[in-house]
Structures are given as C-alpha cells and as structure tokens.
Amino acid sequence: MFPWNSLFSFKNNPNQKDFMKNMQQSDVQSFIEKVFSQVIPDNMQGMMNQNDGGFQKEKTKSEHPLHADVFETHLYIFVRIPIEDESWLKKMKLYHTSNQSIIEGIPEESDRHVITLPALVKKKGASAQYKESTLEIRLQKSFNTQYSEIDVSEI
C-alpha cells in the first residue's frame, strides 16, 4: 500500500545507531515533510498541519488585499483581518454563507472581498470582535451535513 520500506531504509544503513543521535530538530522536520510529500497526495497535504493547543488547526494566508488569516478549531472557523484604520469598522459590512465570508466596504467603499472557508458553518451564531487592530470573525462549524440518496434508473 505505502512504500514504507523505501522511505525508512534503516536496515541497510551501517550508521543506524548514530542516525538519531546526530539529527537536529530542523533535520527531523525536513525529513517528516519529505516523507509526507512522497506519501500523501498534494491536495491532502494542507490537512496535515501540526496541532496547536489540542485543536486541529489549518491556517491559510490569503492573497487578497485584506491579508486575512483563516483557521479552524474543532468547533469554529476564525477569520482574522488586520484593520489599518479604525474608521473601517463603521463603514464595513460583514456577511457569510455556509462556506464563504464576505467583507464589503473596506478599504474602499466599492470593495468586496470573498474568503472561502475551510468547512461549512451554521447560519446563526457568528460573531465579530475588534481588538488590538485586528477584526476577528468567529463562525460556528456545521456538523449536520444533509445528503439525499439519488436513484439510478435504467433507460
């Protein structure tokens, strides 16, 4: 299933005993990243981030002008946006769908920013707080995934 023998080839290594003694933390990290990149498909590697305080945390940096950070815990999705000018808070409007956060009116009145969320969120229960030049939007994750069976008919 997985090519473990080719990745962990300690059997044929004469310096097997000294291998772990001489490794630095950065060597271990690069080795683990190399193994994951060989074994796990590219589209799944974003889900393999380190745990932070017991929470599964997937953090993404955005490429749009707001420089928003998006990450998730077990129960919530957080969107953190640095606010350059406190007057933005009065002119901005926040919306969200089940999988997107939408920010309108900053920095310019005609601007609209759409941030795709890493998981589905509930319709109610969202909140936003401004503290230390950062707007933090907290959205509650939705675990009620509804699906319906589709019958296949022969023609």
C-alpha atoms as a PDB file:
ATOM      1  CA  MET A   1       0.000   0.000   0.000  1.00  0.00           C
ATOM      2  CA  PHE A   2       2.608   2.569   1.073  1.00  0.00           C
ATOM      3  CA  PRO A   3       6.290   2.379   0.150  1.00  0.00           C
ATOM      4  CA  TRP A   4       7.425   2.335   3.802  1.00  0.00           C
ATOM      5  CA  ASN A   5      10.494   0.194   3.164  1.00  0.00           C
ATOM      6  CA  SER A   6      11.871   2.626   0.617  1.00  0.00           C
ATOM      7  CA  LEU A   7      11.191   5.626   2.855  1.00  0.00           C
ATOM      8  CA  PHE A   8      12.596   4.154   6.058  1.00  0.00           C
ATOM      9  CA  SER A   9      15.609   2.240   4.831  1.00  0.00           C
ATOM     10  CA  PHE A  10      17.424   1.767   8.160  1.00  0.00           C
ATOM     11  CA  LYS A  11      18.178  -1.932   7.552  1.00  0.00           C
ATOM     12  CA  ASN A  12      20.961  -1.328   5.048  1.00  0.00           C
ATOM     13  CA  ASN A  13      22.381   1.696   6.880  1.00  0.00           C
ATOM     14  CA  PRO A  14      25.618   0.880   8.768  1.00  0.00           C
ATOM     15  CA  ASN A  15      25.313   4.113  10.783  1.00  0.00           C
ATOM     16  CA  GLN A  16      21.840   3.239  12.050  1.00  0.00           C
ATOM     17  CA  LYS A  17      22.794   3.715  15.708  1.00  0.00           C
ATOM     18  CA  ASP A  18      24.217   7.207  15.114  1.00  0.00           C
ATOM     19  CA  PHE A  19      21.363   8.283  12.868  1.00  0.00           C
ATOM     20  CA  MET A  20      19.078   9.636  15.600  1.00  0.00           C
ATOM     21  CA  LYS A  21      21.910  10.948  17.791  1.00  0.00           C
ATOM     22  CA  ASN A  22      23.204  13.303  15.105  1.00  0.00           C
ATOM     23  CA  MET A  23      19.819  14.650  13.941  1.00  0.00           C
ATOM     24  CA  GLN A  24      18.854  18.236  14.664  1.00  0.00           C
ATOM     25  CA  GLN A  25      15.245  19.378  15.061  1.00  0.00           C
ATOM     26  CA  SER A  26      15.295  21.031  11.637  1.00  0.00           C
ATOM     27  CA  ASP A  27      16.560  17.764  10.111  1.00  0.00           C
ATOM     28  CA  VAL A  28      13.672  15.837  11.660  1.00  0.00           C
ATOM     29  CA  GLN A  29      11.144  18.414  10.424  1.00  0.00           C
ATOM     30  CA  SER A  30      12.503  18.363   6.861  1.00  0.00           C
ATOM     31  CA  PHE A  31      12.600  14.541   6.912  1.00  0.00           C
ATOM     32  CA  ILE A  32       8.934  14.370   8.004  1.00  0.00           C
ATOM     33  CA  GLU A  33       7.893  16.907   5.343  1.00  0.00           C
ATOM     34  CA  LYS A  34       9.762  14.879   2.706  1.00  0.00           C
ATOM     35  CA  VAL A  35       8.027  11.660   3.767  1.00  0.00           C
ATOM     36  CA  PHE A  36       4.589  13.309   3.750  1.00  0.00           C
ATOM     37  CA  SER A  37       5.182  14.873   0.340  1.00  0.00           C
ATOM     38  CA  GLN A  38       6.056  11.444  -1.082  1.00  0.00           C
ATOM     39  CA  VAL A  39       3.223   9.507   0.552  1.00  0.00           C
ATOM     40  CA  ILE A  40       0.306  11.963   0.752  1.00  0.00           C
ATOM     41  CA  PRO A  41      -1.272  13.487  -2.386  1.00  0.00           C
ATOM     42  CA  ASP A  42      -0.766  17.231  -2.928  1.00  0.00           C
ATOM     43  CA  ASN A  43      -4.431  18.094  -2.406  1.00  0.00           C
ATOM     44  CA  MET A  44      -4.428  16.400   1.036  1.00  0.00           C
ATOM     45  CA  GLN A  45      -1.199  17.904   2.414  1.00  0.00           C
ATOM     46  CA  GLY A  46      -2.875  21.094   3.695  1.00  0.00           C
ATOM     47  CA  MET A  47      -4.799  18.983   6.191  1.00  0.00           C
ATOM     48  CA  MET A  48      -1.638  17.602   7.769  1.00  0.00           C
ATOM     49  CA  ASN A  49      -0.616  20.663   9.821  1.00  0.00           C
ATOM     50  CA  GLN A  50       0.636  20.496  13.394  1.00  0.00           C
ATOM     51  CA  ASN A  51      -1.803  20.572  16.273  1.00  0.00           C
ATOM     52  CA  ASP A  52      -1.991  23.783  18.281  1.00  0.00           C
ATOM     53  CA  GLY A  53      -3.198  23.532  21.851  1.00  0.00           C
ATOM     54  CA  GLY A  54      -5.206  20.386  21.178  1.00  0.00           C
ATOM     55  CA  PHE A  55      -7.033  21.885  18.220  1.00  0.00           C
ATOM     56  CA  GLN A  56      -6.781  20.817  14.623  1.00  0.00           C
ATOM     57  CA  LYS A  57      -5.591  23.998  13.027  1.00  0.00           C
ATOM     58  CA  GLU A  58      -5.416  24.572   9.330  1.00  0.00           C
ATOM     59  CA  LYS A  59      -4.137  28.043   8.658  1.00  0.00           C
ATOM     60  CA  THR A  60      -4.179  29.736   5.296  1.00  0.00           C
ATOM     61  CA  LYS A  61      -2.770  33.086   4.262  1.00  0.00           C
ATOM     62  CA  SER A  62      -4.866  34.942   1.776  1.00  0.00           C
ATOM     63  CA  GLU A  63      -3.600  36.619  -1.336  1.00  0.00           C
ATOM     64  CA  HIS A  64      -6.136  39.445  -1.395  1.00  0.00           C
ATOM     65  CA  PRO A  65      -5.546  42.977  -0.063  1.00  0.00           C
ATOM     66  CA  LEU A  66      -7.072  42.317   3.365  1.00  0.00           C
ATOM     67  CA  HIS A  67      -4.335  39.808   4.335  1.00  0.00           C
ATOM     68  CA  ALA A  68      -6.847  37.713   6.276  1.00  0.00           C
ATOM     69  CA  ASP A  69      -5.829  34.643   8.263  1.00  0.00           C
ATOM     70  CA  VAL A  70      -8.326  31.783   8.247  1.00  0.00           C
ATOM     71  CA  PHE A  71      -8.074  28.824  10.591  1.00  0.00           C
ATOM     72  CA  GLU A  72     -10.322  26.255  12.179  1.00  0.00           C
ATOM     73  CA  THR A  73     -10.636  24.548  15.526  1.00  0.00           C
ATOM     74  CA  HIS A  74     -12.875  21.593  16.345  1.00  0.00           C
ATOM     75  CA  LEU A  75     -15.937  23.843  16.763  1.00  0.00           C
ATOM     76  CA  TYR A  76     -15.246  27.155  14.982  1.00  0.00           C
ATOM     77  CA  ILE A  77     -13.802  28.815  11.890  1.00  0.00           C
ATOM     78  CA  PHE A  78     -11.900  32.035  12.631  1.00  0.00           C
ATOM     79  CA  VAL A  79     -11.163  34.794  10.134  1.00  0.00           C
ATOM     80  CA  ARG A  80      -8.715  37.432  11.383  1.00  0.00           C
ATOM     81  CA  ILE A  81      -8.316  40.635   9.420  1.00  0.00           C
ATOM     82  CA  PRO A  82      -5.773  43.337  10.272  1.00  0.00           C
ATOM     83  CA  ILE A  83      -7.543  46.703  10.384  1.00  0.00           C
ATOM     84  CA  GLU A  84      -5.315  49.572   9.277  1.00  0.00           C
ATOM     85  CA  ASP A  85      -7.785  52.350  10.081  1.00  0.00           C
ATOM     86  CA  GLU A  86     -10.344  52.105  12.879  1.00  0.00           C
ATOM     87  CA  SER A  87     -12.835  54.079  10.757  1.00  0.00           C
ATOM     88  CA  TRP A  88     -13.166  50.946   8.580  1.00  0.00           C
ATOM     89  CA  LEU A  89     -15.277  49.350  11.333  1.00  0.00           C
ATOM     90  CA  LYS A  90     -18.100  51.853  10.792  1.00  0.00           C
ATOM     91  CA  LYS A  91     -18.206  51.593   7.010  1.00  0.00           C
ATOM     92  CA  MET A  92     -17.670  47.820   6.576  1.00  0.00           C
ATOM     93  CA  LYS A  93     -20.382  45.198   6.221  1.00  0.00           C
ATOM     94  CA  LEU A  94     -19.872  41.520   7.080  1.00  0.00           C
ATOM     95  CA  TYR A  95     -21.843  38.623   5.609  1.00  0.00           C
ATOM     96  CA  HIS A  96     -21.398  34.896   5.371  1.00  0.00           C
ATOM     97  CA  THR A  97     -22.828  31.941   3.525  1.00  0.00           C
ATOM     98  CA  SER A  98     -22.397  28.314   4.511  1.00  0.00           C
ATOM     99  CA  ASN A  99     -18.866  28.276   3.037  1.00  0.00           C
ATOM    100  CA  GLN A 100     -17.785  31.904   2.464  1.00  0.00           C
ATOM    101  CA  SER A 101     -17.140  35.030   4.486  1.00  0.00           C
ATOM    102  CA  ILE A 102     -17.886  38.281   2.630  1.00  0.00           C
ATOM    103  CA  ILE A 103     -16.457  41.679   3.619  1.00  0.00           C
ATOM    104  CA  GLU A 104     -17.691  44.797   1.842  1.00  0.00           C
ATOM    105  CA  GLY A 105     -16.724  48.458   2.067  1.00  0.00           C
ATOM    106  CA  ILE A 106     -13.036  48.283   3.011  1.00  0.00           C
ATOM    107  CA  PRO A 107     -10.561  49.711   2.224  1.00  0.00           C
ATOM    108  CA  GLU A 108     -12.639  51.449  -0.448  1.00  0.00           C
ATOM    109  CA  GLU A 109     -16.426  51.740  -0.323  1.00  0.00           C
ATOM    110  CA  SER A 110     -16.863  49.750  -3.556  1.00  0.00           C
ATOM    111  CA  ASP A 111     -14.541  46.874  -2.491  1.00  0.00           C
ATOM    112  CA  ARG A 112     -15.897  43.380  -1.891  1.00  0.00           C
ATOM    113  CA  HIS A 113     -13.780  40.514  -0.561  1.00  0.00           C
ATOM    114  CA  VAL A 114     -14.900  36.887  -0.561  1.00  0.00           C
ATOM    115  CA  ILE A 115     -12.997  34.431   1.646  1.00  0.00           C
ATOM    116  CA  THR A 116     -13.677  30.733   1.123  1.00  0.00           C
ATOM    117  CA  LEU A 117     -13.958  28.912   4.450  1.00  0.00           C
ATOM    118  CA  PRO A 118     -12.285  25.527   5.080  1.00  0.00           C
ATOM    119  CA  ALA A 119     -15.524  23.959   6.415  1.00  0.00           C
ATOM    120  CA  LEU A 120     -19.265  24.559   6.380  1.00  0.00           C
ATOM    121  CA  VAL A 121     -20.628  26.935   9.027  1.00  0.00           C
ATOM    122  CA  LYS A 122     -24.015  27.407  10.659  1.00  0.00           C
ATOM    123  CA  LYS A 123     -26.366  30.140   9.555  1.00  0.00           C
ATOM    124  CA  LYS A 124     -26.610  31.624  13.068  1.00  0.00           C
ATOM    125  CA  GLY A 125     -24.126  32.042  15.879  1.00  0.00           C
ATOM    126  CA  ALA A 126     -21.451  34.117  14.111  1.00  0.00           C
ATOM    127  CA  SER A 127     -19.775  36.974  15.969  1.00  0.00           C
ATOM    128  CA  ALA A 128     -17.114  39.595  15.305  1.00  0.00           C
ATOM    129  CA  GLN A 129     -14.773  41.349  17.745  1.00  0.00           C
ATOM    130  CA  TYR A 130     -12.270  44.131  17.230  1.00  0.00           C
ATOM    131  CA  LYS A 131      -9.205  44.080  19.453  1.00  0.00           C
ATOM    132  CA  GLU A 132      -5.633  45.322  19.054  1.00  0.00           C
ATOM    133  CA  SER A 133      -6.053  46.410  15.406  1.00  0.00           C
ATOM    134  CA  THR A 134      -7.486  43.021  14.407  1.00  0.00           C
ATOM    135  CA  LEU A 135     -11.043  42.106  13.496  1.00  0.00           C
ATOM    136  CA  GLU A 136     -11.799  38.510  14.450  1.00  0.00           C
ATOM    137  CA  ILE A 137     -14.843  36.840  12.928  1.00  0.00           C
ATOM    138  CA  ARG A 138     -15.922  33.621  14.648  1.00  0.00           C
ATOM    139  CA  LEU A 139     -18.232  31.258  12.758  1.00  0.00           C
ATOM    140  CA  GLN A 140     -19.646  28.103  14.288  1.00  0.00           C
ATOM    141  CA  LYS A 141     -18.967  24.948  12.273  1.00  0.00           C
ATOM    142  CA  SER A 142     -21.895  22.944  10.980  1.00  0.00           C
ATOM    143  CA  PHE A 143     -21.771  19.212  11.547  1.00  0.00           C
ATOM    144  CA  ASN A 144     -25.247  18.499  10.183  1.00  0.00           C
ATOM    145  CA  THR A 145     -24.337  17.530   6.649  1.00  0.00           C
ATOM    146  CA  GLN A 146     -27.544  16.642   4.875  1.00  0.00           C
ATOM    147  CA  TYR A 147     -27.461  14.345   1.907  1.00  0.00           C
ATOM    148  CA  SER A 148     -30.058  12.533  -0.112  1.00  0.00           C
ATOM    149  CA  GLU A 149     -29.868   9.280  -1.993  1.00  0.00           C
ATOM    150  CA  ILE A 150     -30.312   9.524  -5.757  1.00  0.00           C
ATOM    151  CA  ASP A 151     -31.963   6.607  -7.515  1.00  0.00           C
ATOM    152  CA  VAL A 152     -30.355   5.474 -10.739  1.00  0.00           C
ATOM    153  CA  SER A 153     -32.849   4.425 -13.381  1.00  0.00           C
ATOM    154  CA  GLU A 154     -32.142   2.471 -16.484  1.00  0.00           C
ATOM    155  CA  ILE A 155     -33.103   3.974 -19.824  1.00  0.00           C
END
